[in-house]
Amino acid sequence: MANHKSALKRIRANETKRLRNRYQHKTTRSYVKKLRATTEHGVALEVYKTVSSMLDRLAKKNVIHKNKAANQKSKLAKFVNKLAVA
């Protein structure tokens, strides 16, 4: 157990941040699944904008790696563009 006041505060802060990161990461994954399940281009485009923003935010805060965010955005963009053609 930590002996210093600052160490105890750091433990509390880390736990709060961990829970917030888990929530945001899980929410983003749910939106990605929602986007993948979409069959209409217009709806997919709106959801893609939201998901793209969420992925950027996660990458900025180092919850996920920036390259992972870029890869996911790229694949989702391809998916949305395919819906426009079909």
N, C-alpha and C. Protein backbone atom coordinates (compact mmCIF):
# COMPACT_ATOMS: atom_id res chain seq x y z
N MET A 1 0.84 -1.19 0.00
CA MET A 1 0.00 0.00 0.00
C MET A 1 0.88 1.25 0.00
N ALA A 2 0.38 2.29 -0.63
CA ALA A 2 1.14 3.53 -0.75
C ALA A 2 1.24 4.23 0.62
N ASN A 3 2.36 4.89 0.82
CA ASN A 3 2.60 5.58 2.09
C ASN A 3 2.41 7.08 2.01
N HIS A 4 2.50 7.65 0.83
CA HIS A 4 2.42 9.10 0.68
C HIS A 4 1.03 9.51 0.21
N LYS A 5 0.66 10.72 0.64
CA LYS A 5 -0.64 11.27 0.25
C LYS A 5 -0.76 11.38 -1.27
N SER A 6 0.31 11.83 -1.91
CA SER A 6 0.28 12.02 -3.36
C SER A 6 0.14 10.68 -4.09
N ALA A 7 0.75 9.63 -3.51
CA ALA A 7 0.65 8.30 -4.13
C ALA A 7 -0.78 7.77 -4.02
N LEU A 8 -1.41 8.03 -2.90
CA LEU A 8 -2.81 7.60 -2.72
C LEU A 8 -3.72 8.34 -3.71
N LYS A 9 -3.46 9.63 -3.88
CA LYS A 9 -4.25 10.42 -4.83
C LYS A 9 -4.03 9.91 -6.26
N ARG A 10 -2.80 9.58 -6.59
CA ARG A 10 -2.48 9.06 -7.92
C ARG A 10 -3.22 7.75 -8.18
N ILE A 11 -3.30 6.89 -7.17
CA ILE A 11 -4.03 5.62 -7.30
C ILE A 11 -5.50 5.89 -7.60
N ARG A 12 -6.09 6.84 -6.87
CA ARG A 12 -7.50 7.18 -7.10
C ARG A 12 -7.70 7.75 -8.50
N ALA A 13 -6.81 8.65 -8.90
CA ALA A 13 -6.93 9.29 -10.22
C ALA A 13 -6.78 8.27 -11.33
N ASN A 14 -5.82 7.35 -11.18
CA ASN A 14 -5.60 6.32 -12.20
C ASN A 14 -6.82 5.42 -12.36
N GLU A 15 -7.45 5.08 -11.26
CA GLU A 15 -8.64 4.23 -11.33
C GLU A 15 -9.78 4.95 -12.05
N THR A 16 -9.96 6.23 -11.76
CA THR A 16 -11.00 7.02 -12.42
C THR A 16 -10.75 7.09 -13.91
N LYS A 17 -9.50 7.37 -14.29
CA LYS A 17 -9.15 7.45 -15.71
C LYS A 17 -9.31 6.10 -16.41
N ARG A 18 -8.93 5.02 -15.70
CA ARG A 18 -9.05 3.69 -16.28
C ARG A 18 -10.51 3.37 -16.61
N LEU A 19 -11.41 3.68 -15.69
CA LEU A 19 -12.83 3.42 -15.91
C LEU A 19 -13.38 4.27 -17.06
N ARG A 20 -12.96 5.54 -17.11
CA ARG A 20 -13.41 6.42 -18.19
C ARG A 20 -12.90 5.91 -19.53
N ASN A 21 -11.65 5.48 -19.59
CA ASN A 21 -11.08 4.95 -20.83
C ASN A 21 -11.79 3.69 -21.27
N ARG A 22 -12.09 2.81 -20.33
CA ARG A 22 -12.81 1.57 -20.65
C ARG A 22 -14.18 1.88 -21.24
N TYR A 23 -14.88 2.83 -20.62
CA TYR A 23 -16.20 3.21 -21.10
C TYR A 23 -16.13 3.77 -22.52
N GLN A 24 -15.20 4.69 -22.76
CA GLN A 24 -15.10 5.31 -24.08
C GLN A 24 -14.67 4.30 -25.14
N HIS A 25 -13.77 3.39 -24.78
CA HIS A 25 -13.31 2.37 -25.73
C HIS A 25 -14.46 1.42 -26.08
N LYS A 26 -15.20 1.01 -25.08
CA LYS A 26 -16.33 0.09 -25.31
C LYS A 26 -17.42 0.76 -26.14
N THR A 27 -17.70 2.02 -25.86
CA THR A 27 -18.70 2.76 -26.61
C THR A 27 -18.30 2.88 -28.08
N THR A 28 -17.02 3.14 -28.31
CA THR A 28 -16.53 3.25 -29.68
C THR A 28 -16.67 1.92 -30.41
N ARG A 29 -16.33 0.83 -29.74
CA ARG A 29 -16.47 -0.50 -30.36
C ARG A 29 -17.93 -0.78 -30.71
N SER A 30 -18.85 -0.35 -29.85
CA SER A 30 -20.27 -0.55 -30.12
C SER A 30 -20.71 0.23 -31.36
N TYR A 31 -20.20 1.45 -31.49
CA TYR A 31 -20.52 2.26 -32.67
C TYR A 31 -19.95 1.65 -33.94
N VAL A 32 -18.76 1.05 -33.84
CA VAL A 32 -18.16 0.39 -35.01
C VAL A 32 -19.05 -0.78 -35.44
N LYS A 33 -19.53 -1.56 -34.47
CA LYS A 33 -20.43 -2.67 -34.79
C LYS A 33 -21.72 -2.16 -35.43
N LYS A 34 -22.24 -1.06 -34.88
CA LYS A 34 -23.45 -0.45 -35.43
C LYS A 34 -23.23 -0.02 -36.87
N LEU A 35 -22.07 0.56 -37.15
CA LEU A 35 -21.74 0.99 -38.51
C LEU A 35 -21.63 -0.19 -39.44
N ARG A 36 -20.99 -1.26 -39.00
CA ARG A 36 -20.82 -2.45 -39.83
C ARG A 36 -22.17 -3.10 -40.17
N ALA A 37 -23.14 -2.95 -39.27
CA ALA A 37 -24.45 -3.55 -39.48
C ALA A 37 -25.35 -2.71 -40.39
N THR A 38 -24.94 -1.49 -40.67
CA THR A 38 -25.74 -0.57 -41.48
C THR A 38 -25.69 -0.98 -42.96
N THR A 39 -26.83 -0.81 -43.64
CA THR A 39 -26.89 -1.16 -45.06
C THR A 39 -27.19 0.05 -45.95
N GLU A 40 -27.56 1.18 -45.36
CA GLU A 40 -27.86 2.39 -46.13
C GLU A 40 -26.68 3.36 -46.08
N HIS A 41 -26.35 3.92 -47.23
CA HIS A 41 -25.18 4.81 -47.32
C HIS A 41 -25.35 6.08 -46.49
N GLY A 42 -26.49 6.71 -46.55
CA GLY A 42 -26.72 7.96 -45.82
C GLY A 42 -26.56 7.79 -44.32
N VAL A 43 -27.16 6.74 -43.79
CA VAL A 43 -27.06 6.47 -42.36
C VAL A 43 -25.63 6.13 -41.99
N ALA A 44 -24.99 5.32 -42.83
CA ALA A 44 -23.61 4.90 -42.57
C ALA A 44 -22.67 6.10 -42.55
N LEU A 45 -22.92 7.06 -43.42
CA LEU A 45 -22.07 8.25 -43.48
C LEU A 45 -22.14 9.05 -42.19
N GLU A 46 -23.35 9.19 -41.66
CA GLU A 46 -23.53 9.92 -40.39
C GLU A 46 -22.82 9.19 -39.24
N VAL A 47 -23.02 7.88 -39.17
CA VAL A 47 -22.39 7.10 -38.10
C VAL A 47 -20.88 7.11 -38.26
N TYR A 48 -20.40 7.08 -39.51
CA TYR A 48 -18.95 7.08 -39.76
C TYR A 48 -18.31 8.36 -39.21
N LYS A 49 -18.98 9.50 -39.38
CA LYS A 49 -18.44 10.75 -38.86
C LYS A 49 -18.26 10.68 -37.34
N THR A 50 -19.26 10.11 -36.67
CA THR A 50 -19.20 9.98 -35.22
C THR A 50 -18.07 9.03 -34.82
N VAL A 51 -18.01 7.88 -35.48
CA VAL A 51 -17.00 6.88 -35.15
C VAL A 51 -15.60 7.42 -35.40
N SER A 52 -15.43 8.12 -36.50
CA SER A 52 -14.14 8.69 -36.84
C SER A 52 -13.67 9.65 -35.74
N SER A 53 -14.56 10.48 -35.28
CA SER A 53 -14.25 11.41 -34.22
C SER A 53 -13.88 10.68 -32.93
N MET A 54 -14.63 9.64 -32.61
CA MET A 54 -14.36 8.86 -31.40
C MET A 54 -13.00 8.19 -31.46
N LEU A 55 -12.68 7.62 -32.63
CA LEU A 55 -11.38 6.96 -32.79
C LEU A 55 -10.23 7.96 -32.65
N ASP A 56 -10.42 9.14 -33.24
CA ASP A 56 -9.39 10.18 -33.12
C ASP A 56 -9.17 10.57 -31.66
N ARG A 57 -10.26 10.68 -30.94
CA ARG A 57 -10.17 11.06 -29.53
C ARG A 57 -9.44 10.00 -28.72
N LEU A 58 -9.76 8.71 -28.98
CA LEU A 58 -9.09 7.62 -28.27
C LEU A 58 -7.60 7.61 -28.58
N ALA A 59 -7.24 7.85 -29.83
CA ALA A 59 -5.83 7.86 -30.22
C ALA A 59 -5.11 9.04 -29.58
N LYS A 60 -5.78 10.18 -29.54
CA LYS A 60 -5.17 11.37 -28.95
C LYS A 60 -4.84 11.16 -27.48
N LYS A 61 -5.72 10.43 -26.78
CA LYS A 61 -5.53 10.19 -25.35
C LYS A 61 -4.76 8.90 -25.07
N ASN A 62 -4.20 8.30 -26.11
CA ASN A 62 -3.39 7.09 -25.98
C ASN A 62 -4.14 5.90 -25.39
N VAL A 63 -5.44 5.85 -25.60
CA VAL A 63 -6.20 4.67 -25.20
C VAL A 63 -5.95 3.58 -26.24
N ILE A 64 -5.90 3.97 -27.52
CA ILE A 64 -5.49 3.07 -28.59
C ILE A 64 -4.34 3.74 -29.35
N HIS A 65 -3.59 2.95 -30.09
CA HIS A 65 -2.46 3.48 -30.86
C HIS A 65 -2.99 4.28 -32.05
N LYS A 66 -2.27 5.33 -32.42
CA LYS A 66 -2.73 6.19 -33.53
C LYS A 66 -2.81 5.43 -34.84
N ASN A 67 -1.93 4.45 -35.05
CA ASN A 67 -1.99 3.66 -36.29
C ASN A 67 -3.21 2.74 -36.31
N LYS A 68 -3.60 2.23 -35.15
CA LYS A 68 -4.80 1.40 -35.08
C LYS A 68 -6.02 2.24 -35.43
N ALA A 69 -6.08 3.44 -34.92
CA ALA A 69 -7.19 4.34 -35.23
C ALA A 69 -7.23 4.63 -36.73
N ALA A 70 -6.07 4.88 -37.32
CA ALA A 70 -5.99 5.18 -38.75
C ALA A 70 -6.43 3.98 -39.57
N ASN A 71 -6.00 2.78 -39.19
CA ASN A 71 -6.38 1.56 -39.91
C ASN A 71 -7.89 1.34 -39.84
N GLN A 72 -8.45 1.51 -38.65
CA GLN A 72 -9.90 1.31 -38.50
C GLN A 72 -10.68 2.33 -39.31
N LYS A 73 -10.26 3.58 -39.27
CA LYS A 73 -10.95 4.63 -40.04
C LYS A 73 -10.89 4.33 -41.53
N SER A 74 -9.73 3.86 -41.99
CA SER A 74 -9.56 3.54 -43.40
C SER A 74 -10.49 2.41 -43.83
N LYS A 75 -10.52 1.35 -43.04
CA LYS A 75 -11.37 0.20 -43.38
C LYS A 75 -12.85 0.58 -43.35
N LEU A 76 -13.23 1.38 -42.37
CA LEU A 76 -14.62 1.80 -42.27
C LEU A 76 -15.00 2.73 -43.43
N ALA A 77 -14.06 3.57 -43.85
CA ALA A 77 -14.31 4.47 -44.98
C ALA A 77 -14.54 3.65 -46.25
N LYS A 78 -13.74 2.61 -46.44
CA LYS A 78 -13.92 1.72 -47.59
C LYS A 78 -15.30 1.08 -47.55
N PHE A 79 -15.70 0.65 -46.35
CA PHE A 79 -17.01 0.01 -46.18
C PHE A 79 -18.13 0.98 -46.55
N VAL A 80 -18.04 2.22 -46.07
CA VAL A 80 -19.08 3.23 -46.36
C VAL A 80 -19.12 3.54 -47.85
N ASN A 81 -17.96 3.63 -48.48
CA ASN A 81 -17.91 3.92 -49.92
C ASN A 81 -18.48 2.78 -50.75
N LYS A 82 -18.30 1.55 -50.31
CA LYS A 82 -18.88 0.41 -51.01
C LYS A 82 -20.41 0.45 -50.96
N LEU A 83 -20.94 0.96 -49.84
CA LEU A 83 -22.40 1.07 -49.73
C LEU A 83 -22.95 2.07 -50.74
N ALA A 84 -22.18 3.09 -51.06
CA ALA A 84 -22.62 4.11 -52.03
C ALA A 84 -22.73 3.51 -53.42
N VAL A 85 -21.82 2.61 -53.75
CA VAL A 85 -21.79 1.99 -55.08
C VAL A 85 -22.92 0.97 -55.21
N ALA A 86 -23.11 0.21 -54.15
CA ALA A 86 -24.10 -0.88 -54.21
C ALA A 86 -25.52 -0.41 -54.27
